[in-house]
N, C-alpha and C. Protein backbone atom coordinates (compact mmCIF):
# COMPACT_ATOMS: atom_id res chain seq x y z
N MET A 1 36.75 -4.03 -8.13
CA MET A 1 35.44 -3.45 -8.35
C MET A 1 35.41 -2.03 -7.77
N LYS A 2 34.84 -1.12 -8.54
CA LYS A 2 34.76 0.27 -8.12
C LYS A 2 33.68 0.45 -7.04
N ASP A 3 33.84 1.51 -6.32
CA ASP A 3 32.84 1.88 -5.32
C ASP A 3 31.51 2.18 -6.04
N PHE A 4 30.41 1.87 -5.39
CA PHE A 4 29.08 2.06 -5.99
C PHE A 4 28.85 3.53 -6.34
N LEU A 5 29.25 4.44 -5.48
CA LEU A 5 29.04 5.86 -5.75
C LEU A 5 29.89 6.34 -6.92
N GLU A 6 31.07 5.79 -7.08
CA GLU A 6 31.91 6.15 -8.24
C GLU A 6 31.26 5.66 -9.53
N GLN A 7 30.64 4.50 -9.49
CA GLN A 7 29.95 3.99 -10.68
C GLN A 7 28.78 4.90 -11.03
N LEU A 8 28.05 5.35 -10.02
CA LEU A 8 26.93 6.26 -10.28
C LEU A 8 27.40 7.59 -10.84
N ALA A 9 28.56 8.06 -10.40
CA ALA A 9 29.09 9.34 -10.88
C ALA A 9 29.45 9.27 -12.36
N GLU A 10 29.79 8.11 -12.86
CA GLU A 10 30.19 7.97 -14.25
C GLU A 10 29.01 7.75 -15.20
N LEU A 11 27.83 7.46 -14.68
CA LEU A 11 26.67 7.21 -15.53
C LEU A 11 26.17 8.50 -16.17
N ASP A 12 25.74 8.39 -17.42
CA ASP A 12 25.10 9.52 -18.09
C ASP A 12 23.61 9.50 -17.76
N VAL A 13 23.12 10.66 -17.35
CA VAL A 13 21.71 10.78 -16.99
C VAL A 13 21.04 11.64 -18.04
N ARG A 14 19.99 11.12 -18.63
CA ARG A 14 19.31 11.89 -19.67
C ARG A 14 18.39 12.92 -19.03
N GLU A 15 18.07 13.92 -19.79
CA GLU A 15 17.19 15.00 -19.32
C GLU A 15 15.76 14.48 -19.17
N PRO A 16 15.01 14.98 -18.19
CA PRO A 16 13.61 14.56 -18.07
C PRO A 16 12.79 15.11 -19.23
N PRO A 17 11.66 14.51 -19.53
CA PRO A 17 10.80 15.02 -20.61
C PRO A 17 10.34 16.45 -20.32
N ALA A 18 9.95 17.14 -21.36
CA ALA A 18 9.56 18.56 -21.22
C ALA A 18 8.35 18.73 -20.32
N ASP A 19 7.40 17.80 -20.38
CA ASP A 19 6.18 17.93 -19.56
C ASP A 19 6.25 17.09 -18.28
N PHE A 20 7.47 16.82 -17.83
CA PHE A 20 7.65 16.00 -16.62
C PHE A 20 6.99 16.65 -15.41
N ASP A 21 7.20 17.96 -15.24
CA ASP A 21 6.62 18.65 -14.08
C ASP A 21 5.10 18.61 -14.13
N ARG A 22 4.53 18.80 -15.30
CA ARG A 22 3.08 18.80 -15.44
C ARG A 22 2.52 17.41 -15.11
N GLN A 23 3.16 16.36 -15.60
CA GLN A 23 2.72 15.00 -15.30
C GLN A 23 2.83 14.71 -13.81
N LEU A 24 3.93 15.14 -13.22
CA LEU A 24 4.14 14.92 -11.79
C LEU A 24 3.07 15.64 -10.98
N HIS A 25 2.79 16.89 -11.31
CA HIS A 25 1.77 17.64 -10.58
C HIS A 25 0.39 17.02 -10.75
N ARG A 26 0.08 16.56 -11.94
CA ARG A 26 -1.23 15.91 -12.17
C ARG A 26 -1.38 14.68 -11.29
N ARG A 27 -0.37 13.82 -11.30
CA ARG A 27 -0.43 12.59 -10.49
C ARG A 27 -0.47 12.91 -9.01
N LEU A 28 0.35 13.87 -8.58
CA LEU A 28 0.38 14.24 -7.17
C LEU A 28 -0.94 14.87 -6.73
N ASN A 29 -1.50 15.75 -7.54
CA ASN A 29 -2.77 16.38 -7.19
C ASN A 29 -3.89 15.35 -7.11
N ARG A 30 -3.90 14.41 -8.03
CA ARG A 30 -4.93 13.36 -8.01
C ARG A 30 -4.80 12.51 -6.74
N THR A 31 -3.56 12.17 -6.40
CA THR A 31 -3.33 11.37 -5.19
C THR A 31 -3.73 12.14 -3.94
N LEU A 32 -3.37 13.42 -3.88
CA LEU A 32 -3.73 14.23 -2.72
C LEU A 32 -5.24 14.39 -2.61
N LEU A 33 -5.92 14.57 -3.72
CA LEU A 33 -7.38 14.70 -3.70
C LEU A 33 -8.03 13.45 -3.16
N VAL A 34 -7.58 12.29 -3.62
CA VAL A 34 -8.14 11.02 -3.13
C VAL A 34 -7.86 10.87 -1.64
N GLN A 35 -6.66 11.22 -1.22
CA GLN A 35 -6.30 11.10 0.19
C GLN A 35 -7.16 12.03 1.06
N HIS A 36 -7.37 13.25 0.61
CA HIS A 36 -8.19 14.19 1.38
C HIS A 36 -9.65 13.74 1.43
N LEU A 37 -10.17 13.23 0.33
CA LEU A 37 -11.55 12.75 0.33
C LEU A 37 -11.72 11.55 1.26
N LEU A 38 -10.75 10.64 1.24
CA LEU A 38 -10.82 9.49 2.15
C LEU A 38 -10.74 9.94 3.61
N ASP A 39 -9.87 10.88 3.88
CA ASP A 39 -9.75 11.40 5.24
C ASP A 39 -11.05 12.05 5.68
N PHE A 40 -11.69 12.80 4.79
CA PHE A 40 -12.96 13.44 5.10
C PHE A 40 -14.05 12.41 5.35
N VAL A 41 -14.14 11.41 4.47
CA VAL A 41 -15.19 10.40 4.60
C VAL A 41 -14.99 9.57 5.85
N VAL A 42 -13.77 9.10 6.07
CA VAL A 42 -13.51 8.21 7.21
C VAL A 42 -13.50 8.99 8.52
N GLY A 43 -12.83 10.13 8.54
CA GLY A 43 -12.67 10.87 9.79
C GLY A 43 -13.75 11.90 10.04
N GLY A 44 -13.95 12.78 9.12
CA GLY A 44 -14.86 13.91 9.32
C GLY A 44 -16.31 13.50 9.45
N ILE A 45 -16.76 12.67 8.56
CA ILE A 45 -18.16 12.26 8.60
C ILE A 45 -18.42 11.38 9.82
N ALA A 46 -17.49 10.49 10.16
CA ALA A 46 -17.66 9.66 11.35
C ALA A 46 -17.69 10.52 12.61
N TRP A 47 -16.83 11.54 12.69
CA TRP A 47 -16.81 12.43 13.84
C TRP A 47 -18.13 13.18 13.96
N SER A 48 -18.62 13.72 12.86
CA SER A 48 -19.86 14.49 12.91
C SER A 48 -21.06 13.59 13.21
N LEU A 49 -21.06 12.37 12.68
CA LEU A 49 -22.14 11.45 13.01
C LEU A 49 -22.13 11.07 14.48
N GLY A 50 -20.95 10.93 15.06
CA GLY A 50 -20.85 10.64 16.49
C GLY A 50 -21.45 11.75 17.33
N HIS A 51 -21.15 13.00 16.98
CA HIS A 51 -21.72 14.13 17.72
C HIS A 51 -23.22 14.25 17.49
N PHE A 52 -23.66 14.01 16.29
CA PHE A 52 -25.10 14.05 16.01
C PHE A 52 -25.83 12.96 16.79
N LEU A 53 -25.21 11.79 16.89
CA LEU A 53 -25.82 10.69 17.64
C LEU A 53 -25.92 11.04 19.12
N ARG A 54 -24.87 11.67 19.67
CA ARG A 54 -24.94 12.10 21.08
C ARG A 54 -26.08 13.08 21.31
N ALA A 55 -26.24 14.03 20.39
CA ALA A 55 -27.32 15.01 20.52
C ALA A 55 -28.68 14.33 20.39
N THR A 56 -28.80 13.41 19.47
CA THR A 56 -30.07 12.70 19.27
C THR A 56 -30.40 11.85 20.49
N LEU A 57 -29.42 11.16 21.04
CA LEU A 57 -29.67 10.36 22.24
C LEU A 57 -30.03 11.25 23.42
N GLY A 58 -29.39 12.39 23.56
CA GLY A 58 -29.76 13.33 24.61
C GLY A 58 -31.18 13.82 24.47
N TRP A 59 -31.57 14.12 23.25
CA TRP A 59 -32.95 14.53 22.99
C TRP A 59 -33.93 13.42 23.33
N LEU A 60 -33.59 12.18 22.96
CA LEU A 60 -34.46 11.04 23.27
C LEU A 60 -34.59 10.83 24.79
N LEU A 61 -33.47 10.90 25.50
CA LEU A 61 -33.52 10.75 26.95
C LEU A 61 -34.34 11.86 27.60
N PHE A 62 -34.19 13.08 27.11
CA PHE A 62 -34.97 14.19 27.64
C PHE A 62 -36.45 13.98 27.36
N THR A 63 -36.78 13.48 26.17
CA THR A 63 -38.17 13.24 25.81
C THR A 63 -38.77 12.15 26.69
N ILE A 64 -38.01 11.11 26.97
CA ILE A 64 -38.53 9.99 27.76
C ILE A 64 -38.60 10.34 29.25
N THR A 65 -37.52 10.92 29.79
CA THR A 65 -37.46 11.16 31.24
C THR A 65 -37.97 12.53 31.64
N GLY A 66 -37.90 13.52 30.77
CA GLY A 66 -38.37 14.86 31.08
C GLY A 66 -37.35 15.71 31.81
N ARG A 67 -36.10 15.28 31.92
CA ARG A 67 -35.06 16.08 32.55
C ARG A 67 -33.74 15.91 31.79
N PHE A 68 -32.91 16.93 31.95
CA PHE A 68 -31.60 16.89 31.30
C PHE A 68 -30.66 15.97 32.04
N PRO A 69 -29.75 15.28 31.34
CA PRO A 69 -28.76 14.46 32.04
C PRO A 69 -27.77 15.34 32.80
N ASP A 70 -27.21 14.81 33.88
CA ASP A 70 -26.24 15.55 34.69
C ASP A 70 -24.97 15.78 33.87
N ARG A 71 -24.35 16.95 34.05
CA ARG A 71 -23.11 17.27 33.33
C ARG A 71 -21.93 16.49 33.90
N ASP A 72 -22.00 16.05 35.14
CA ASP A 72 -20.89 15.35 35.78
C ASP A 72 -20.67 13.96 35.22
N LYS A 73 -21.62 13.40 34.54
CA LYS A 73 -21.52 12.02 34.04
C LYS A 73 -20.73 11.92 32.73
N ARG A 74 -20.21 13.01 32.22
CA ARG A 74 -19.45 12.99 30.98
C ARG A 74 -18.28 12.13 31.19
């Protein structure tokens, strides 16, 4: 039995279709867009909501107690 790489060297490889690059870019761009949107929704919006919640809770505590929270308690 021949070596696997020697068998691959003897195979004829046909040329890719003419619009192969265009199809590849379309699929890749679609995948990247979905990935970026998911990253934004899961990461970015959650991060901004967390900071907004901290500010809202700080405002509520200030409204109830009448003083700012200490900076050392971070």
